[in-house]
Amino acid sequence: MSNEFDDAKTHSGSIPRPPVFQTKLEEREFLKFRLAQALRIFGNRGYDEGVAGHITVRDPVRPDCFWVNPFGLHFKLIQPSDLLLVDHNGKILEESGQKNGPFRVLNTAAFMIHSKIHAARPDVLCAAHSHSTYGKAFSALGKTLDPISQDACAFYNDHALYTQYNGIVLDEAEGLAITEALGSKKAAILQNHGLLVATPTIEATIHFYIAMERACQVQLLADAAAGAQGGKTVVINSAQAAETGKTVGSAMAGWFSGSMEFMVLEKEEGVKFQSSS
């Protein structure tokens, strides 16, 4: 992402950039804080469905491990100390700051999906999957999003469709199949299941998940309205969709747009990251 940030300018100067850390331990502390915030943002937006849904972030100290929300704790309640550090064998490691307690259980589906994505995609820092309403509804159509708006162009040629539904993801083969379907793209629609987004930053992952959920909602509305009139939804031509997608779908755009979600949360909660080092 560094080249994109170095080249990005506004009319009045350079845009803000991601924070720089003095040590990997400080970076870990920030990412845990940010991940907990991301989960609360999901909760505030109603992306919860019982115990379903998970967001992970690769650990900067141990890149072969990732942090994930525990099984059974609502998104709205999650704090950094609640997060689990998990290796790619599914073992919970005791570096999370909470060795005991009622929420030290790993969601098997989270492990099966996210461990494979993090292993296959070194470019992915953060991955998110949930059963949000419009994503679930659109996933039942068995198709990808059409470029029917500027915002939907963020996903033009950059999201996949996983066409199999084999029940709850409880085995390694299913996680591998989802990862293979995702390929090098930033998002996937899991048929009859929900949405999946994986990007180089927590902020971009949160932004593109929210944007994809909205794109599903808008297409459902537009297609229904067009169909009621005996017509079809108008799509943006391929060349313009691709060109627009380079801007609104870039990792830089995702980080910058996603940062605003965290600004709002920090204003509402009155809490910002404070390094202990």
C-alpha atoms as a PDB file:
ATOM      1  CA  MET A   1       0.000   0.000   0.000  1.00  0.00           C
ATOM      2  CA  SER A   2       2.946   2.401   0.458  1.00  0.00           C
ATOM      3  CA  ASN A   3       3.117   3.493  -3.172  1.00  0.00           C
ATOM      4  CA  GLU A   4      -0.583   4.298  -3.263  1.00  0.00           C
ATOM      5  CA  PHE A   5      -0.274   6.424  -0.118  1.00  0.00           C
ATOM      6  CA  ASP A   6       2.857   8.166  -1.398  1.00  0.00           C
ATOM      7  CA  ASP A   7       1.108   9.105  -4.644  1.00  0.00           C
ATOM      8  CA  ALA A   8      -2.258  10.076  -3.173  1.00  0.00           C
ATOM      9  CA  LYS A   9      -2.951  13.798  -2.947  1.00  0.00           C
ATOM     10  CA  THR A  10      -5.904  16.004  -2.175  1.00  0.00           C
ATOM     11  CA  HIS A  11      -6.431  19.472  -3.659  1.00  0.00           C
ATOM     12  CA  SER A  12      -4.749  21.002  -0.624  1.00  0.00           C
ATOM     13  CA  GLY A  13      -1.996  18.488   0.066  1.00  0.00           C
ATOM     14  CA  SER A  14      -1.284  14.920   1.105  1.00  0.00           C
ATOM     15  CA  ILE A  15      -4.013  12.831   2.688  1.00  0.00           C
ATOM     16  CA  PRO A  16      -3.547  11.323   6.164  1.00  0.00           C
ATOM     17  CA  ARG A  17      -1.555   8.116   6.340  1.00  0.00           C
ATOM     18  CA  PRO A  18      -1.679   5.041   8.564  1.00  0.00           C
ATOM     19  CA  PRO A  19       0.206   5.330  11.852  1.00  0.00           C
ATOM     20  CA  VAL A  20       3.858   4.308  12.118  1.00  0.00           C
ATOM     21  CA  PHE A  21       4.983   2.341  15.170  1.00  0.00           C
ATOM     22  CA  GLN A  22       8.290   2.225  16.992  1.00  0.00           C
ATOM     23  CA  THR A  23       8.049  -1.483  17.782  1.00  0.00           C
ATOM     24  CA  LYS A  24       6.073  -4.540  16.712  1.00  0.00           C
ATOM     25  CA  LEU A  25       4.672  -4.793  20.234  1.00  0.00           C
ATOM     26  CA  GLU A  26       3.253  -1.283  19.956  1.00  0.00           C
ATOM     27  CA  GLU A  27       1.797  -2.171  16.560  1.00  0.00           C
ATOM     28  CA  ARG A  28       0.202  -5.275  18.083  1.00  0.00           C
ATOM     29  CA  GLU A  29      -1.330  -3.169  20.837  1.00  0.00           C
ATOM     30  CA  PHE A  30      -2.815  -0.780  18.264  1.00  0.00           C
ATOM     31  CA  LEU A  31      -4.151  -3.552  16.018  1.00  0.00           C
ATOM     32  CA  LYS A  32      -5.869  -5.244  18.966  1.00  0.00           C
ATOM     33  CA  PHE A  33      -7.456  -1.925  19.929  1.00  0.00           C
ATOM     34  CA  ARG A  34      -8.541  -1.359  16.319  1.00  0.00           C
ATOM     35  CA  LEU A  35      -9.890  -4.881  15.882  1.00  0.00           C
ATOM     36  CA  ALA A  36     -12.035  -4.568  18.998  1.00  0.00           C
ATOM     37  CA  GLN A  37     -13.322  -1.260  17.650  1.00  0.00           C
ATOM     38  CA  ALA A  38     -14.087  -2.897  14.293  1.00  0.00           C
ATOM     39  CA  LEU A  39     -16.142  -5.587  15.978  1.00  0.00           C
ATOM     40  CA  ARG A  40     -18.113  -2.985  17.924  1.00  0.00           C
ATOM     41  CA  ILE A  41     -18.755  -1.106  14.666  1.00  0.00           C
ATOM     42  CA  PHE A  42     -20.187  -4.334  13.242  1.00  0.00           C
ATOM     43  CA  GLY A  43     -22.340  -4.726  16.335  1.00  0.00           C
ATOM     44  CA  ASN A  44     -23.581  -1.152  16.137  1.00  0.00           C
ATOM     45  CA  ARG A  45     -24.557  -1.709  12.503  1.00  0.00           C
ATOM     46  CA  GLY A  46     -26.533  -4.845  13.314  1.00  0.00           C
ATOM     47  CA  TYR A  47     -24.189  -7.248  11.552  1.00  0.00           C
ATOM     48  CA  ASP A  48     -24.643  -9.764  14.360  1.00  0.00           C
ATOM     49  CA  GLU A  49     -26.560 -13.033  14.027  1.00  0.00           C
ATOM     50  CA  GLY A  50     -26.173 -14.941  17.274  1.00  0.00           C
ATOM     51  CA  VAL A  51     -22.685 -16.428  17.459  1.00  0.00           C
ATOM     52  CA  ALA A  52     -22.064 -16.070  13.706  1.00  0.00           C
ATOM     53  CA  GLY A  53     -19.522 -13.651  12.291  1.00  0.00           C
ATOM     54  CA  HIS A  54     -15.855 -12.948  12.845  1.00  0.00           C
ATOM     55  CA  ILE A  55     -13.086 -10.479  12.068  1.00  0.00           C
ATOM     56  CA  THR A  56      -9.409 -11.396  12.228  1.00  0.00           C
ATOM     57  CA  VAL A  57      -6.143  -9.488  12.036  1.00  0.00           C
ATOM     58  CA  ARG A  58      -2.674 -10.907  11.418  1.00  0.00           C
ATOM     59  CA  ASP A  59      -0.351 -10.509  14.390  1.00  0.00           C
ATOM     60  CA  PRO A  60       2.696  -8.308  13.607  1.00  0.00           C
ATOM     61  CA  VAL A  61       4.862 -10.038  16.207  1.00  0.00           C
ATOM     62  CA  ARG A  62       3.971 -13.559  15.101  1.00  0.00           C
ATOM     63  CA  PRO A  63       2.780 -13.261  11.474  1.00  0.00           C
ATOM     64  CA  ASP A  64       1.813 -16.944  11.390  1.00  0.00           C
ATOM     65  CA  CYS A  65      -0.884 -16.190  13.980  1.00  0.00           C
ATOM     66  CA  PHE A  66      -3.978 -14.002  14.043  1.00  0.00           C
ATOM     67  CA  TRP A  67      -6.293 -12.294  16.520  1.00  0.00           C
ATOM     68  CA  VAL A  68     -10.006 -13.107  16.469  1.00  0.00           C
ATOM     69  CA  ASN A  69     -13.136 -12.416  18.500  1.00  0.00           C
ATOM     70  CA  PRO A  70     -14.049 -15.203  20.943  1.00  0.00           C
ATOM     71  CA  PHE A  71     -17.026 -17.478  20.419  1.00  0.00           C
ATOM     72  CA  GLY A  72     -20.093 -16.364  22.338  1.00  0.00           C
ATOM     73  CA  LEU A  73     -19.310 -12.710  23.101  1.00  0.00           C
ATOM     74  CA  HIS A  74     -21.467 -10.110  21.342  1.00  0.00           C
ATOM     75  CA  PHE A  75     -19.699  -7.770  18.919  1.00  0.00           C
ATOM     76  CA  LYS A  76     -20.847  -4.718  20.884  1.00  0.00           C
ATOM     77  CA  LEU A  77     -19.102  -5.889  24.048  1.00  0.00           C
ATOM     78  CA  ILE A  78     -15.673  -6.829  22.719  1.00  0.00           C
ATOM     79  CA  GLN A  79     -12.568  -5.152  24.144  1.00  0.00           C
ATOM     80  CA  PRO A  80      -8.900  -5.780  23.253  1.00  0.00           C
ATOM     81  CA  SER A  81      -8.415  -8.039  26.275  1.00  0.00           C
ATOM     82  CA  ASP A  82     -11.198 -10.336  25.025  1.00  0.00           C
ATOM     83  CA  LEU A  83      -9.466 -11.170  21.734  1.00  0.00           C
ATOM     84  CA  LEU A  84      -7.872 -14.553  21.131  1.00  0.00           C
ATOM     85  CA  LEU A  85      -4.462 -15.080  19.557  1.00  0.00           C
ATOM     86  CA  VAL A  86      -4.612 -18.236  17.454  1.00  0.00           C
ATOM     87  CA  ASP A  87      -1.960 -20.071  15.456  1.00  0.00           C
ATOM     88  CA  HIS A  88      -2.620 -21.784  12.134  1.00  0.00           C
ATOM     89  CA  ASN A  89      -3.179 -25.085  13.919  1.00  0.00           C
ATOM     90  CA  GLY A  90      -6.096 -23.638  15.866  1.00  0.00           C
ATOM     91  CA  LYS A  91      -4.286 -23.402  19.194  1.00  0.00           C
ATOM     92  CA  ILE A  92      -5.202 -20.469  21.442  1.00  0.00           C
ATOM     93  CA  LEU A  93      -1.974 -18.858  22.632  1.00  0.00           C
ATOM     94  CA  GLU A  94      -1.621 -17.198  26.003  1.00  0.00           C
ATOM     95  CA  GLU A  95      -0.535 -13.733  24.900  1.00  0.00           C
ATOM     96  CA  SER A  96      -3.940 -12.113  24.812  1.00  0.00           C
ATOM     97  CA  GLY A  97      -3.959 -10.637  28.308  1.00  0.00           C
ATOM     98  CA  GLN A  98      -6.867 -12.825  29.436  1.00  0.00           C
ATOM     99  CA  LYS A  99      -5.809 -16.363  30.250  1.00  0.00           C
ATOM    100  CA  ASN A 100      -9.028 -17.316  31.960  1.00  0.00           C
ATOM    101  CA  GLY A 101     -12.676 -16.448  31.662  1.00  0.00           C
ATOM    102  CA  PRO A 102     -15.915 -17.577  30.054  1.00  0.00           C
ATOM    103  CA  PHE A 103     -15.043 -16.423  26.528  1.00  0.00           C
ATOM    104  CA  ARG A 104     -11.905 -18.380  25.674  1.00  0.00           C
ATOM    105  CA  VAL A 105     -13.487 -20.524  22.970  1.00  0.00           C
ATOM    106  CA  LEU A 106     -12.521 -20.353  19.306  1.00  0.00           C
ATOM    107  CA  ASN A 107     -15.259 -20.293  16.673  1.00  0.00           C
ATOM    108  CA  THR A 108     -14.421 -23.306  14.501  1.00  0.00           C
ATOM    109  CA  ALA A 109     -15.821 -21.702  11.349  1.00  0.00           C
ATOM    110  CA  ALA A 110     -13.736 -18.585  11.978  1.00  0.00           C
ATOM    111  CA  PHE A 111     -10.607 -20.695  12.217  1.00  0.00           C
ATOM    112  CA  MET A 112     -11.356 -22.827   9.171  1.00  0.00           C
ATOM    113  CA  ILE A 113     -12.001 -19.820   6.936  1.00  0.00           C
ATOM    114  CA  HIS A 114      -9.585 -17.222   8.251  1.00  0.00           C
ATOM    115  CA  SER A 115      -6.567 -19.445   8.871  1.00  0.00           C
ATOM    116  CA  LYS A 116      -6.599 -20.481   5.216  1.00  0.00           C
ATOM    117  CA  ILE A 117      -6.979 -16.915   3.977  1.00  0.00           C
ATOM    118  CA  HIS A 118      -4.146 -15.596   6.146  1.00  0.00           C
ATOM    119  CA  ALA A 119      -1.895 -18.487   5.110  1.00  0.00           C
ATOM    120  CA  ALA A 120      -2.596 -18.075   1.389  1.00  0.00           C
ATOM    121  CA  ARG A 121      -2.663 -14.273   1.254  1.00  0.00           C
ATOM    122  CA  PRO A 122       0.351 -12.549   2.863  1.00  0.00           C
ATOM    123  CA  ASP A 123      -1.078  -9.246   1.575  1.00  0.00           C
ATOM    124  CA  VAL A 124      -4.146  -9.635   3.819  1.00  0.00           C
ATOM    125  CA  LEU A 125      -3.895  -8.117   7.283  1.00  0.00           C
ATOM    126  CA  CYS A 126      -7.599  -8.241   8.136  1.00  0.00           C
ATOM    127  CA  ALA A 127     -10.503 -10.436   7.034  1.00  0.00           C
ATOM    128  CA  ALA A 128     -14.170 -10.079   7.958  1.00  0.00           C
ATOM    129  CA  HIS A 129     -17.172 -12.349   7.511  1.00  0.00           C
ATOM    130  CA  SER A 130     -20.670 -11.917   8.842  1.00  0.00           C
ATOM    131  CA  HIS A 131     -24.285 -12.808   8.140  1.00  0.00           C
ATOM    132  CA  SER A 132     -25.545  -9.271   7.530  1.00  0.00           C
ATOM    133  CA  THR A 133     -29.075  -8.983   6.186  1.00  0.00           C
ATOM    134  CA  TYR A 134     -28.646  -7.732   2.630  1.00  0.00           C
ATOM    135  CA  GLY A 135     -25.508  -9.771   2.043  1.00  0.00           C
ATOM    136  CA  LYS A 136     -27.427 -12.911   2.992  1.00  0.00           C
ATOM    137  CA  ALA A 137     -30.354 -11.961   0.785  1.00  0.00           C
ATOM    138  CA  PHE A 138     -28.190 -11.172  -2.227  1.00  0.00           C
ATOM    139  CA  SER A 139     -26.079 -14.303  -1.734  1.00  0.00           C
ATOM    140  CA  ALA A 140     -29.196 -16.403  -2.368  1.00  0.00           C
ATOM    141  CA  LEU A 141     -29.283 -15.141  -5.968  1.00  0.00           C
ATOM    142  CA  GLY A 142     -26.073 -16.980  -6.855  1.00  0.00           C
ATOM    143  CA  LYS A 143     -24.511 -14.053  -8.724  1.00  0.00           C
ATOM    144  CA  THR A 144     -21.946 -11.290  -8.337  1.00  0.00           C
ATOM    145  CA  LEU A 145     -22.722  -7.597  -8.005  1.00  0.00           C
ATOM    146  CA  ASP A 146     -23.339  -5.558 -11.137  1.00  0.00           C
ATOM    147  CA  PRO A 147     -21.702  -2.111 -11.583  1.00  0.00           C
ATOM    148  CA  ILE A 148     -24.968  -0.196 -11.224  1.00  0.00           C
ATOM    149  CA  SER A 149     -23.532   2.716  -9.220  1.00  0.00           C
ATOM    150  CA  GLN A 150     -20.255   4.499  -8.626  1.00  0.00           C
ATOM    151  CA  ASP A 151     -19.978   2.817  -5.235  1.00  0.00           C
ATOM    152  CA  ALA A 152     -20.609  -0.663  -6.630  1.00  0.00           C
ATOM    153  CA  CYS A 153     -17.697  -0.127  -9.029  1.00  0.00           C
ATOM    154  CA  ALA A 154     -15.396  -0.636  -6.022  1.00  0.00           C
ATOM    155  CA  PHE A 155     -16.069  -4.351  -6.497  1.00  0.00           C
ATOM    156  CA  TYR A 156     -15.910  -4.495 -10.298  1.00  0.00           C
ATOM    157  CA  ASN A 157     -13.710  -7.471 -11.231  1.00  0.00           C
ATOM    158  CA  ASP A 158     -12.574  -7.528  -7.593  1.00  0.00           C
ATOM    159  CA  HIS A 159     -15.012  -9.877  -5.895  1.00  0.00           C
ATOM    160  CA  ALA A 160     -15.727 -13.566  -6.313  1.00  0.00           C
ATOM    161  CA  LEU A 161     -18.701 -15.874  -5.972  1.00  0.00           C
ATOM    162  CA  TYR A 162     -18.363 -19.080  -3.975  1.00  0.00           C
ATOM    163  CA  THR A 163     -21.169 -21.200  -5.356  1.00  0.00           C
ATOM    164  CA  GLN A 164     -21.212 -24.117  -2.929  1.00  0.00           C
ATOM    165  CA  TYR A 165     -23.033 -24.244   0.370  1.00  0.00           C
ATOM    166  CA  ASN A 166     -21.948 -27.262   2.376  1.00  0.00           C
ATOM    167  CA  GLY A 167     -23.306 -26.304   5.757  1.00  0.00           C
ATOM    168  CA  ILE A 168     -21.435 -24.682   8.626  1.00  0.00           C
ATOM    169  CA  VAL A 169     -17.727 -24.442   7.840  1.00  0.00           C
ATOM    170  CA  LEU A 170     -16.352 -27.067  10.205  1.00  0.00           C
ATOM    171  CA  ASP A 171     -13.632 -28.704   8.124  1.00  0.00           C
ATOM    172  CA  GLU A 172     -10.380 -27.670   6.499  1.00  0.00           C
ATOM    173  CA  ALA A 173     -11.468 -28.550   2.956  1.00  0.00           C
ATOM    174  CA  GLU A 174     -14.283 -25.997   3.019  1.00  0.00           C
ATOM    175  CA  GLY A 175     -11.969 -23.243   4.247  1.00  0.00           C
ATOM    176  CA  LEU A 176      -9.530 -24.066   1.472  1.00  0.00           C
ATOM    177  CA  ALA A 177     -12.318 -24.023  -1.127  1.00  0.00           C
ATOM    178  CA  ILE A 178     -13.514 -20.592   0.004  1.00  0.00           C
ATOM    179  CA  THR A 179      -9.946 -19.272  -0.060  1.00  0.00           C
ATOM    180  CA  GLU A 180      -9.421 -20.662  -3.546  1.00  0.00           C
ATOM    181  CA  ALA A 181     -12.633 -18.999  -4.754  1.00  0.00           C
ATOM    182  CA  LEU A 182     -11.549 -15.677  -3.218  1.00  0.00           C
ATOM    183  CA  GLY A 183      -8.241 -15.878  -5.071  1.00  0.00           C
ATOM    184  CA  SER A 184      -6.454 -12.528  -5.181  1.00  0.00           C
ATOM    185  CA  LYS A 185      -9.659 -10.480  -4.876  1.00  0.00           C
ATOM    186  CA  LYS A 186     -10.682  -8.378  -1.888  1.00  0.00           C
ATOM    187  CA  ALA A 187     -14.160  -9.807  -1.388  1.00  0.00           C
ATOM    188  CA  ALA A 188     -16.424 -12.766  -2.001  1.00  0.00           C
ATOM    189  CA  ILE A 189     -20.105 -13.533  -1.915  1.00  0.00           C
ATOM    190  CA  LEU A 190     -20.611 -16.886  -0.225  1.00  0.00           C
ATOM    191  CA  GLN A 191     -23.760 -18.326  -1.803  1.00  0.00           C
ATOM    192  CA  ASN A 192     -26.626 -18.866   0.669  1.00  0.00           C
ATOM    193  CA  HIS A 193     -24.296 -17.695   3.415  1.00  0.00           C
ATOM    194  CA  GLY A 194     -23.061 -14.088   3.480  1.00  0.00           C
ATOM    195  CA  LEU A 195     -20.175 -11.775   2.644  1.00  0.00           C
ATOM    196  CA  LEU A 196     -16.408 -12.013   3.067  1.00  0.00           C
ATOM    197  CA  VAL A 197     -13.881  -9.173   2.758  1.00  0.00           C
ATOM    198  CA  ALA A 198     -10.086  -9.372   3.081  1.00  0.00           C
ATOM    199  CA  THR A 199      -7.715  -6.401   2.668  1.00  0.00           C
ATOM    200  CA  PRO A 200      -4.334  -4.988   3.797  1.00  0.00           C
ATOM    201  CA  THR A 201      -5.819  -2.883   6.643  1.00  0.00           C
ATOM    202  CA  ILE A 202      -8.534  -3.123   9.261  1.00  0.00           C
ATOM    203  CA  GLU A 203      -9.985   0.180   8.089  1.00  0.00           C
ATOM    204  CA  ALA A 204     -10.253  -0.918   4.456  1.00  0.00           C
ATOM    205  CA  THR A 205     -11.816  -4.229   5.433  1.00  0.00           C
ATOM    206  CA  ILE A 206     -14.481  -2.503   7.509  1.00  0.00           C
ATOM    207  CA  HIS A 207     -15.182   0.082   4.807  1.00  0.00           C
ATOM    208  CA  PHE A 208     -15.477  -2.435   1.990  1.00  0.00           C
ATOM    209  CA  TYR A 209     -17.644  -4.750   4.073  1.00  0.00           C
ATOM    210  CA  ILE A 210     -20.064  -1.897   4.794  1.00  0.00           C
ATOM    211  CA  ALA A 211     -19.894  -0.808   1.135  1.00  0.00           C
ATOM    212  CA  MET A 212     -20.570  -4.346  -0.097  1.00  0.00           C
ATOM    213  CA  GLU A 213     -23.530  -4.759   2.233  1.00  0.00           C
ATOM    214  CA  ARG A 214     -24.947  -1.482   0.897  1.00  0.00           C
ATOM    215  CA  ALA A 215     -24.245  -2.502  -2.712  1.00  0.00           C
ATOM    216  CA  CYS A 216     -26.238  -5.688  -2.131  1.00  0.00           C
ATOM    217  CA  GLN A 217     -29.098  -3.644  -0.677  1.00  0.00           C
ATOM    218  CA  VAL A 218     -29.091  -1.158  -3.570  1.00  0.00           C
ATOM    219  CA  GLN A 219     -29.031  -3.861  -6.236  1.00  0.00           C
ATOM    220  CA  LEU A 220     -31.873  -5.742  -4.596  1.00  0.00           C
ATOM    221  CA  LEU A 221     -33.913  -2.532  -4.577  1.00  0.00           C
ATOM    222  CA  ALA A 222     -32.981  -1.494  -8.112  1.00  0.00           C
ATOM    223  CA  ASP A 223     -33.572  -4.919  -9.645  1.00  0.00           C
ATOM    224  CA  ALA A 224     -36.950  -5.213  -7.912  1.00  0.00           C
ATOM    225  CA  ALA A 225     -38.009  -1.753  -9.095  1.00  0.00           C
ATOM    226  CA  ALA A 226     -36.828  -2.373 -12.646  1.00  0.00           C
ATOM    227  CA  GLY A 227     -38.521  -5.760 -12.742  1.00  0.00           C
ATOM    228  CA  ALA A 228     -41.796  -4.267 -11.533  1.00  0.00           C
ATOM    229  CA  GLN A 229     -41.727  -2.006 -14.588  1.00  0.00           C
ATOM    230  CA  GLY A 230     -40.868  -4.861 -16.933  1.00  0.00           C
ATOM    231  CA  GLY A 231     -37.324  -3.609 -17.444  1.00  0.00           C
ATOM    232  CA  LYS A 232     -33.757  -4.237 -16.326  1.00  0.00           C
ATOM    233  CA  THR A 233     -31.406  -2.256 -14.130  1.00  0.00           C
ATOM    234  CA  VAL A 234     -29.006  -0.098 -16.151  1.00  0.00           C
ATOM    235  CA  VAL A 235     -25.328  -0.971 -15.629  1.00  0.00           C
ATOM    236  CA  ILE A 236     -22.235   1.168 -16.094  1.00  0.00           C
ATOM    237  CA  ASN A 237     -20.184   0.169 -19.137  1.00  0.00           C
ATOM    238  CA  SER A 238     -17.184  -2.087 -18.497  1.00  0.00           C
ATOM    239  CA  ALA A 239     -14.477   0.450 -19.337  1.00  0.00           C
ATOM    240  CA  GLN A 240     -15.908   3.129 -17.044  1.00  0.00           C
ATOM    241  CA  ALA A 241     -16.665   0.644 -14.278  1.00  0.00           C
ATOM    242  CA  ALA A 242     -13.072  -0.569 -14.341  1.00  0.00           C
ATOM    243  CA  GLU A 243     -11.673   2.976 -14.337  1.00  0.00           C
ATOM    244  CA  THR A 244     -13.940   4.072 -11.494  1.00  0.00           C
ATOM    245  CA  GLY A 245     -13.074   0.930  -9.542  1.00  0.00           C
ATOM    246  CA  LYS A 246      -9.378   1.837  -9.604  1.00  0.00           C
ATOM    247  CA  THR A 247     -10.198   4.877  -7.493  1.00  0.00           C
ATOM    248  CA  VAL A 248     -13.103   3.931  -5.240  1.00  0.00           C
ATOM    249  CA  GLY A 249     -11.945   0.331  -4.855  1.00  0.00           C
ATOM    250  CA  SER A 250      -8.283   0.937  -4.061  1.00  0.00           C
ATOM    251  CA  ALA A 251      -6.679  -0.055  -0.775  1.00  0.00           C
ATOM    252  CA  MET A 252      -5.950   3.624  -0.108  1.00  0.00           C
ATOM    253  CA  ALA A 253      -9.570   4.604  -0.653  1.00  0.00           C
ATOM    254  CA  GLY A 254     -10.657   1.805   1.651  1.00  0.00           C
ATOM    255  CA  TRP A 255      -8.298   2.847   4.447  1.00  0.00           C
ATOM    256  CA  PHE A 256      -9.194   6.528   4.157  1.00  0.00           C
ATOM    257  CA  SER A 257     -12.951   5.929   4.032  1.00  0.00           C
ATOM    258  CA  GLY A 258     -12.834   3.296   6.762  1.00  0.00           C
ATOM    259  CA  SER A 259     -10.911   5.646   9.064  1.00  0.00           C
ATOM    260  CA  MET A 260     -13.991   7.833   9.284  1.00  0.00           C
ATOM    261  CA  GLU A 261     -15.995   4.984  10.815  1.00  0.00           C
ATOM    262  CA  PHE A 262     -13.430   4.789  13.606  1.00  0.00           C
ATOM    263  CA  MET A 263     -13.492   8.583  14.083  1.00  0.00           C
ATOM    264  CA  VAL A 264     -17.237   8.399  14.747  1.00  0.00           C
ATOM    265  CA  LEU A 265     -16.869   5.495  17.177  1.00  0.00           C
ATOM    266  CA  GLU A 266     -14.111   7.290  19.102  1.00  0.00           C
ATOM    267  CA  LYS A 267     -16.258  10.431  19.339  1.00  0.00           C
ATOM    268  CA  GLU A 268     -19.231   8.413  20.604  1.00  0.00           C
ATOM    269  CA  GLU A 269     -17.227   6.330  23.082  1.00  0.00           C
ATOM    270  CA  GLY A 270     -14.757   9.021  24.120  1.00  0.00           C
ATOM    271  CA  VAL A 271     -11.857   6.573  23.881  1.00  0.00           C
ATOM    272  CA  LYS A 272      -8.828   6.720  21.583  1.00  0.00           C
ATOM    273  CA  PHE A 273      -5.752   4.539  21.342  1.00  0.00           C
ATOM    274  CA  GLN A 274      -3.120   5.260  23.952  1.00  0.00           C
ATOM    275  CA  SER A 275       0.106   3.303  23.691  1.00  0.00           C
ATOM    276  CA  SER A 276       1.355   1.804  26.942  1.00  0.00           C
ATOM    277  CA  SER A 277       4.975   1.939  25.718  1.00  0.00           C
END
